[in-house]
């Protein structure tokens, strides 16, 4: 039996893109997601890619969104 957990959570589409300043038609670089997840909440990180904001303040919500995005990128491969 397959449990469809992803359909039950309430995703706010495009929020991570807006928070990072990356257009919704572009993909979020994996290097940026990894850097956000490794940083502690309250830290200010520099964006390693060309897309989006240059300086990003990491919050706990941003860290959770980045973690979910990184995990969902692996689904479907």
PDB file of N, CA and C in Angstrom:
ATOM      1  N   UNK A   1       0.830  -1.176   0.000  1.00  0.00           N
ATOM      2  CA  UNK A   1       0.000   0.000   0.000  1.00  0.00           C
ATOM      3  C   UNK A   1       0.882   1.250   0.000  1.00  0.00           C
ATOM      4  N   UNK A   2       0.636   2.130  -0.918  1.00  0.00           N
ATOM      5  CA  UNK A   2       1.408   3.362  -1.034  1.00  0.00           C
ATOM      6  C   UNK A   2       0.651   4.489  -0.339  1.00  0.00           C
ATOM      7  N   UNK A   3       1.327   5.142   0.590  1.00  0.00           N
ATOM      8  CA  UNK A   3       0.719   6.277   1.281  1.00  0.00           C
ATOM      9  C   UNK A   3       1.074   7.549   0.523  1.00  0.00           C
ATOM     10  N   UNK A   4       0.067   8.288   0.103  1.00  0.00           N
ATOM     11  CA  UNK A   4       0.296   9.517  -0.661  1.00  0.00           C
ATOM     12  C   UNK A   4       0.363  10.705   0.296  1.00  0.00           C
ATOM     13  N   UNK A   5       1.518  10.880   0.932  1.00  0.00           N
ATOM     14  CA  UNK A   5       1.671  11.934   1.931  1.00  0.00           C
ATOM     15  C   UNK A   5       1.851  13.301   1.301  1.00  0.00           C
ATOM     16  N   UNK A   6       2.408  13.357   0.116  1.00  0.00           N
ATOM     17  CA  UNK A   6       2.709  14.653  -0.495  1.00  0.00           C
ATOM     18  C   UNK A   6       1.428  15.391  -0.890  1.00  0.00           C
ATOM     19  N   UNK A   7       0.374  14.668  -1.209  1.00  0.00           N
ATOM     20  CA  UNK A   7      -0.881  15.306  -1.564  1.00  0.00           C
ATOM     21  C   UNK A   7      -1.576  15.909  -0.347  1.00  0.00           C
ATOM     22  N   UNK A   8      -1.273  15.390   0.839  1.00  0.00           N
ATOM     23  CA  UNK A   8      -1.948  15.841   2.045  1.00  0.00           C
ATOM     24  C   UNK A   8      -1.338  17.102   2.644  1.00  0.00           C
ATOM     25  N   UNK A   9      -0.054  17.368   2.364  1.00  0.00           N
ATOM     26  CA  UNK A   9       0.542  18.575   2.927  1.00  0.00           C
ATOM     27  C   UNK A   9       0.130  19.781   2.097  1.00  0.00           C
ATOM     28  N   UNK A  10       0.085  20.914   2.731  1.00  0.00           N
ATOM     29  CA  UNK A  10      -0.347  22.134   2.047  1.00  0.00           C
ATOM     30  C   UNK A  10       0.876  22.896   1.577  1.00  0.00           C
ATOM     31  N   UNK A  11       1.204  22.742   0.313  1.00  0.00           N
ATOM     32  CA  UNK A  11       2.345  23.444  -0.255  1.00  0.00           C
ATOM     33  C   UNK A  11       1.925  24.838  -0.708  1.00  0.00           C
ATOM     34  N   UNK A  12       2.767  25.805  -0.433  1.00  0.00           N
ATOM     35  CA  UNK A  12       2.554  27.159  -0.936  1.00  0.00           C
ATOM     36  C   UNK A  12       3.462  27.306  -2.146  1.00  0.00           C
ATOM     37  N   UNK A  13       2.894  27.155  -3.323  1.00  0.00           N
ATOM     38  CA  UNK A  13       3.691  27.113  -4.539  1.00  0.00           C
ATOM     39  C   UNK A  13       4.350  28.462  -4.819  1.00  0.00           C
ATOM     40  N   UNK A  14       5.632  28.410  -5.113  1.00  0.00           N
ATOM     41  CA  UNK A  14       6.375  29.596  -5.503  1.00  0.00           C
ATOM     42  C   UNK A  14       6.917  30.428  -4.357  1.00  0.00           C
ATOM     43  N   UNK A  15       6.649  30.045  -3.118  1.00  0.00           N
ATOM     44  CA  UNK A  15       7.101  30.852  -1.983  1.00  0.00           C
ATOM     45  C   UNK A  15       8.623  30.833  -1.864  1.00  0.00           C
ATOM     46  N   UNK A  16       9.235  29.681  -2.048  1.00  0.00           N
ATOM     47  CA  UNK A  16      10.693  29.588  -1.961  1.00  0.00           C
ATOM     48  C   UNK A  16      11.345  30.392  -3.081  1.00  0.00           C
ATOM     49  N   UNK A  17      10.779  30.349  -4.271  1.00  0.00           N
ATOM     50  CA  UNK A  17      11.297  31.146  -5.388  1.00  0.00           C
ATOM     51  C   UNK A  17      11.236  32.630  -5.056  1.00  0.00           C
ATOM     52  N   UNK A  18      10.104  33.085  -4.525  1.00  0.00           N
ATOM     53  CA  UNK A  18       9.960  34.505  -4.188  1.00  0.00           C
ATOM     54  C   UNK A  18      10.894  34.898  -3.059  1.00  0.00           C
ATOM     55  N   UNK A  19      11.057  34.025  -2.081  1.00  0.00           N
ATOM     56  CA  UNK A  19      11.914  34.323  -0.943  1.00  0.00           C
ATOM     57  C   UNK A  19      13.382  34.432  -1.362  1.00  0.00           C
ATOM     58  N   UNK A  20      13.772  33.648  -2.350  1.00  0.00           N
ATOM     59  CA  UNK A  20      15.154  33.675  -2.826  1.00  0.00           C
ATOM     60  C   UNK A  20      15.362  34.679  -3.956  1.00  0.00           C
ATOM     61  N   UNK A  21      14.284  35.222  -4.511  1.00  0.00           N
ATOM     62  CA  UNK A  21      14.396  36.182  -5.605  1.00  0.00           C
ATOM     63  C   UNK A  21      14.701  35.533  -6.937  1.00  0.00           C
ATOM     64  N   UNK A  22      14.348  34.272  -7.093  1.00  0.00           N
ATOM     65  CA  UNK A  22      14.585  33.537  -8.335  1.00  0.00           C
ATOM     66  C   UNK A  22      13.264  33.439  -9.087  1.00  0.00           C
ATOM     67  N   UNK A  23      13.258  33.745 -10.391  1.00  0.00           N
ATOM     68  CA  UNK A  23      12.014  33.626 -11.156  1.00  0.00           C
ATOM     69  C   UNK A  23      11.468  32.201 -11.110  1.00  0.00           C
ATOM     70  N   UNK A  24      10.144  32.084 -11.143  1.00  0.00           N
ATOM     71  CA  UNK A  24       9.521  30.768 -10.989  1.00  0.00           C
ATOM     72  C   UNK A  24       9.763  29.849 -12.187  1.00  0.00           C
ATOM     73  N   UNK A  25      10.150  30.404 -13.340  1.00  0.00           N
ATOM     74  CA  UNK A  25      10.415  29.546 -14.492  1.00  0.00           C
ATOM     75  C   UNK A  25      11.843  28.980 -14.482  1.00  0.00           C
ATOM     76  N   UNK A  26      12.696  29.459 -13.577  1.00  0.00           N
ATOM     77  CA  UNK A  26      14.071  28.957 -13.452  1.00  0.00           C
ATOM     78  C   UNK A  26      14.141  27.956 -12.301  1.00  0.00           C
ATOM     79  N   UNK A  27      15.083  27.028 -12.376  1.00  0.00           N
ATOM     80  CA  UNK A  27      15.272  26.051 -11.307  1.00  0.00           C
ATOM     81  C   UNK A  27      16.180  26.637 -10.224  1.00  0.00           C
ATOM     82  N   UNK A  28      15.913  26.245  -8.983  1.00  0.00           N
ATOM     83  CA  UNK A  28      16.744  26.670  -7.866  1.00  0.00           C
ATOM     84  C   UNK A  28      17.989  25.789  -7.857  1.00  0.00           C
ATOM     85  N   UNK A  29      19.188  26.390  -7.867  1.00  0.00           N
ATOM     86  CA  UNK A  29      20.412  25.583  -7.901  1.00  0.00           C
ATOM     87  C   UNK A  29      20.573  24.726  -6.641  1.00  0.00           C
ATOM     88  N   UNK A  30      21.041  23.517  -6.824  1.00  0.00           N
ATOM     89  CA  UNK A  30      21.231  22.593  -5.715  1.00  0.00           C
ATOM     90  C   UNK A  30      22.298  23.115  -4.755  1.00  0.00           C
ATOM     91  N   UNK A  31      23.299  23.824  -5.263  1.00  0.00           N
ATOM     92  CA  UNK A  31      24.347  24.379  -4.398  1.00  0.00           C
ATOM     93  C   UNK A  31      23.762  25.384  -3.417  1.00  0.00           C
ATOM     94  N   UNK A  32      22.792  26.169  -3.872  1.00  0.00           N
ATOM     95  CA  UNK A  32      22.145  27.144  -2.993  1.00  0.00           C
ATOM     96  C   UNK A  32      21.313  26.445  -1.925  1.00  0.00           C
ATOM     97  N   UNK A  33      20.580  25.410  -2.301  1.00  0.00           N
ATOM     98  CA  UNK A  33      19.784  24.655  -1.332  1.00  0.00           C
ATOM     99  C   UNK A  33      20.682  24.022  -0.269  1.00  0.00           C
ATOM    100  N   UNK A  34      21.795  23.441  -0.694  1.00  0.00           N
ATOM    101  CA  UNK A  34      22.714  22.816   0.253  1.00  0.00           C
ATOM    102  C   UNK A  34      23.324  23.840   1.203  1.00  0.00           C
ATOM    103  N   UNK A  35      23.643  25.020   0.683  1.00  0.00           N
ATOM    104  CA  UNK A  35      24.241  26.065   1.513  1.00  0.00           C
ATOM    105  C   UNK A  35      23.239  26.579   2.543  1.00  0.00           C
ATOM    106  N   UNK A  36      21.964  26.688   2.161  1.00  0.00           N
ATOM    107  CA  UNK A  36      20.925  27.130   3.092  1.00  0.00           C
ATOM    108  C   UNK A  36      20.735  26.100   4.196  1.00  0.00           C
ATOM    109  N   UNK A  37      20.731  24.816   3.834  1.00  0.00           N
ATOM    110  CA  UNK A  37      20.498  23.757   4.817  1.00  0.00           C
ATOM    111  C   UNK A  37      21.661  23.650   5.801  1.00  0.00           C
ATOM    112  N   UNK A  38      22.892  23.864   5.339  1.00  0.00           N
ATOM    113  CA  UNK A  38      24.058  23.768   6.217  1.00  0.00           C
ATOM    114  C   UNK A  38      24.159  24.949   7.174  1.00  0.00           C
ATOM    115  N   UNK A  39      23.617  26.105   6.788  1.00  0.00           N
ATOM    116  CA  UNK A  39      23.708  27.301   7.631  1.00  0.00           C
ATOM    117  C   UNK A  39      22.736  27.210   8.798  1.00  0.00           C
ATOM    118  N   UNK A  40      23.057  27.934   9.855  1.00  0.00           N
ATOM    119  CA  UNK A  40      22.181  27.983  11.024  1.00  0.00           C
ATOM    120  C   UNK A  40      21.186  29.125  10.853  1.00  0.00           C
ATOM    121  N   UNK A  41      19.988  29.000  11.445  1.00  0.00           N
ATOM    122  CA  UNK A  41      19.034  30.114  11.385  1.00  0.00           C
ATOM    123  C   UNK A  41      19.634  31.381  12.002  1.00  0.00           C
ATOM    124  N   UNK A  42      19.481  32.489  11.299  1.00  0.00           N
ATOM    125  CA  UNK A  42      20.047  33.759  11.739  1.00  0.00           C
ATOM    126  C   UNK A  42      21.284  34.146  10.962  1.00  0.00           C
ATOM    127  N   UNK A  43      21.927  33.188  10.298  1.00  0.00           N
ATOM    128  CA  UNK A  43      23.113  33.482   9.497  1.00  0.00           C
ATOM    129  C   UNK A  43      22.717  34.165   8.196  1.00  0.00           C
ATOM    130  N   UNK A  44      23.629  34.959   7.652  1.00  0.00           N
ATOM    131  CA  UNK A  44      23.451  35.562   6.340  1.00  0.00           C
ATOM    132  C   UNK A  44      24.444  34.889   5.415  1.00  0.00           C
ATOM    133  N   UNK A  45      23.935  34.264   4.348  1.00  0.00           N
ATOM    134  CA  UNK A  45      24.803  33.547   3.411  1.00  0.00           C
ATOM    135  C   UNK A  45      24.861  34.303   2.097  1.00  0.00           C
ATOM    136  N   UNK A  46      25.923  34.046   1.343  1.00  0.00           N
ATOM    137  CA  UNK A  46      26.029  34.619   0.002  1.00  0.00           C
ATOM    138  C   UNK A  46      25.590  33.565  -1.000  1.00  0.00           C
ATOM    139  N   UNK A  47      24.892  34.006  -2.012  1.00  0.00           N
ATOM    140  CA  UNK A  47      24.355  33.109  -3.024  1.00  0.00           C
ATOM    141  C   UNK A  47      25.488  32.665  -3.956  1.00  0.00           C
ATOM    142  N   UNK A  48      25.757  31.350  -4.075  1.00  0.00           N
ATOM    143  CA  UNK A  48      26.841  30.893  -4.948  1.00  0.00           C
ATOM    144  C   UNK A  48      26.487  30.947  -6.437  1.00  0.00           C
ATOM    145  N   UNK A  49      25.217  31.140  -6.771  1.00  0.00           N
ATOM    146  CA  UNK A  49      24.812  31.164  -8.170  1.00  0.00           C
ATOM    147  C   UNK A  49      24.557  32.605  -8.630  1.00  0.00           C
ATOM    148  N   UNK A  50      24.302  32.764  -9.912  1.00  0.00           N
ATOM    149  CA  UNK A  50      24.046  34.072 -10.494  1.00  0.00           C
ATOM    150  C   UNK A  50      22.594  34.494 -10.262  1.00  0.00           C
ATOM    151  N   UNK A  51      21.690  33.528 -10.144  1.00  0.00           N
ATOM    152  CA  UNK A  51      20.265  33.818 -10.002  1.00  0.00           C
ATOM    153  C   UNK A  51      19.916  34.300  -8.599  1.00  0.00           C
ATOM    154  N   UNK A  52      18.966  35.213  -8.515  1.00  0.00           N
ATOM    155  CA  UNK A  52      18.394  35.592  -7.230  1.00  0.00           C
ATOM    156  C   UNK A  52      19.188  36.616  -6.456  1.00  0.00           C
ATOM    157  N   UNK A  53      18.807  36.761  -5.188  1.00  0.00           N
ATOM    158  CA  UNK A  53      19.441  37.723  -4.297  1.00  0.00           C
ATOM    159  C   UNK A  53      20.875  37.300  -3.995  1.00  0.00           C
ATOM    160  N   UNK A  54      21.745  38.277  -3.769  1.00  0.00           N
ATOM    161  CA  UNK A  54      23.151  37.981  -3.483  1.00  0.00           C
ATOM    162  C   UNK A  54      23.351  37.573  -2.025  1.00  0.00           C
ATOM    163  N   UNK A  55      22.632  38.227  -1.102  1.00  0.00           N
ATOM    164  CA  UNK A  55      22.725  37.909   0.322  1.00  0.00           C
ATOM    165  C   UNK A  55      21.365  37.423   0.789  1.00  0.00           C
ATOM    166  N   UNK A  56      21.337  36.313   1.515  1.00  0.00           N
ATOM    167  CA  UNK A  56      20.087  35.709   1.976  1.00  0.00           C
ATOM    168  C   UNK A  56      20.209  35.432   3.467  1.00  0.00           C
ATOM    169  N   UNK A  57      19.223  35.908   4.242  1.00  0.00           N
ATOM    170  CA  UNK A  57      19.188  35.609   5.674  1.00  0.00           C
ATOM    171  C   UNK A  57      18.434  34.306   5.868  1.00  0.00           C
ATOM    172  N   UNK A  58      19.080  33.359   6.530  1.00  0.00           N
ATOM    173  CA  UNK A  58      18.499  32.034   6.740  1.00  0.00           C
ATOM    174  C   UNK A  58      17.593  32.069   7.964  1.00  0.00           C
ATOM    175  N   UNK A  59      16.347  31.638   7.773  1.00  0.00           N
ATOM    176  CA  UNK A  59      15.407  31.472   8.877  1.00  0.00           C
ATOM    177  C   UNK A  59      15.082  29.994   8.995  1.00  0.00           C
ATOM    178  N   UNK A  60      14.421  29.625  10.070  1.00  0.00           N
ATOM    179  CA  UNK A  60      14.077  28.212  10.242  1.00  0.00           C
ATOM    180  C   UNK A  60      13.067  27.766   9.192  1.00  0.00           C
ATOM    181  N   UNK A  61      12.152  28.663   8.807  1.00  0.00           N
ATOM    182  CA  UNK A  61      11.161  28.326   7.779  1.00  0.00           C
ATOM    183  C   UNK A  61      11.844  28.161   6.425  1.00  0.00           C
ATOM    184  N   UNK A  62      12.793  29.048   6.121  1.00  0.00           N
ATOM    185  CA  UNK A  62      13.539  28.944   4.858  1.00  0.00           C
ATOM    186  C   UNK A  62      14.324  27.644   4.820  1.00  0.00           C
ATOM    187  N   UNK A  63      14.914  27.270   5.940  1.00  0.00           N
ATOM    188  CA  UNK A  63      15.674  26.024   6.001  1.00  0.00           C
ATOM    189  C   UNK A  63      14.765  24.816   5.752  1.00  0.00           C
ATOM    190  N   UNK A  64      13.568  24.831   6.332  1.00  0.00           N
ATOM    191  CA  UNK A  64      12.619  23.731   6.128  1.00  0.00           C
ATOM    192  C   UNK A  64      12.164  23.663   4.670  1.00  0.00           C
ATOM    193  N   UNK A  65      11.904  24.832   4.059  1.00  0.00           N
ATOM    194  CA  UNK A  65      11.479  24.859   2.654  1.00  0.00           C
ATOM    195  C   UNK A  65      12.583  24.353   1.739  1.00  0.00           C
ATOM    196  N   UNK A  66      13.820  24.733   2.021  1.00  0.00           N
ATOM    197  CA  UNK A  66      14.951  24.285   1.210  1.00  0.00           C
ATOM    198  C   UNK A  66      15.152  22.784   1.353  1.00  0.00           C
ATOM    199  N   UNK A  67      14.975  22.273   2.560  1.00  0.00           N
ATOM    200  CA  UNK A  67      15.113  20.840   2.794  1.00  0.00           C
ATOM    201  C   UNK A  67      14.042  20.062   2.038  1.00  0.00           C
ATOM    202  N   UNK A  68      12.809  20.545   2.062  1.00  0.00           N
ATOM    203  CA  UNK A  68      11.732  19.892   1.326  1.00  0.00           C
ATOM    204  C   UNK A  68      11.994  19.946  -0.175  1.00  0.00           C
ATOM    205  N   UNK A  69      12.464  21.087  -0.669  1.00  0.00           N
ATOM    206  CA  UNK A  69      12.755  21.220  -2.100  1.00  0.00           C
ATOM    207  C   UNK A  69      13.856  20.271  -2.528  1.00  0.00           C
ATOM    208  N   UNK A  70      14.890  20.131  -1.703  1.00  0.00           N
ATOM    209  CA  UNK A  70      15.984  19.214  -2.033  1.00  0.00           C
ATOM    210  C   UNK A  70      15.500  17.773  -2.041  1.00  0.00           C
ATOM    211  N   UNK A  71      14.640  17.422  -1.075  1.00  0.00           N
ATOM    212  CA  UNK A  71      14.108  16.052  -1.032  1.00  0.00           C
ATOM    213  C   UNK A  71      13.173  15.779  -2.205  1.00  0.00           C
ATOM    214  N   UNK A  72      12.374  16.755  -2.584  1.00  0.00           N
ATOM    215  CA  UNK A  72      11.432  16.541  -3.682  1.00  0.00           C
ATOM    216  C   UNK A  72      12.128  16.529  -5.039  1.00  0.00           C
ATOM    217  N   UNK A  73      13.313  17.141  -5.146  1.00  0.00           N
ATOM    218  CA  UNK A  73      14.050  17.074  -6.402  1.00  0.00           C
ATOM    219  C   UNK A  73      14.474  15.644  -6.717  1.00  0.00           C
ATOM    220  N   UNK A  74      14.704  14.833  -5.673  1.00  0.00           N
ATOM    221  CA  UNK A  74      15.136  13.453  -5.856  1.00  0.00           C
ATOM    222  C   UNK A  74      14.014  12.529  -6.279  1.00  0.00           C
ATOM    223  N   UNK A  75      12.753  12.941  -6.036  1.00  0.00           N
ATOM    224  CA  UNK A  75      11.612  12.114  -6.408  1.00  0.00           C
ATOM    225  C   UNK A  75      11.411  12.194  -7.926  1.00  0.00           C
ATOM    226  N   UNK A  76      11.133  11.079  -8.519  1.00  0.00           N
ATOM    227  CA  UNK A  76      10.854  11.067  -9.947  1.00  0.00           C
ATOM    228  C   UNK A  76      12.047  10.681 -10.782  1.00  0.00           C
ATOM    229  N   UNK A  77      13.176  10.433 -10.136  1.00  0.00           N
ATOM    230  CA  UNK A  77      14.355  10.025 -10.904  1.00  0.00           C
ATOM    231  C   UNK A  77      14.418   8.523 -10.982  1.00  0.00           C
TER     232      UNK A  77
END
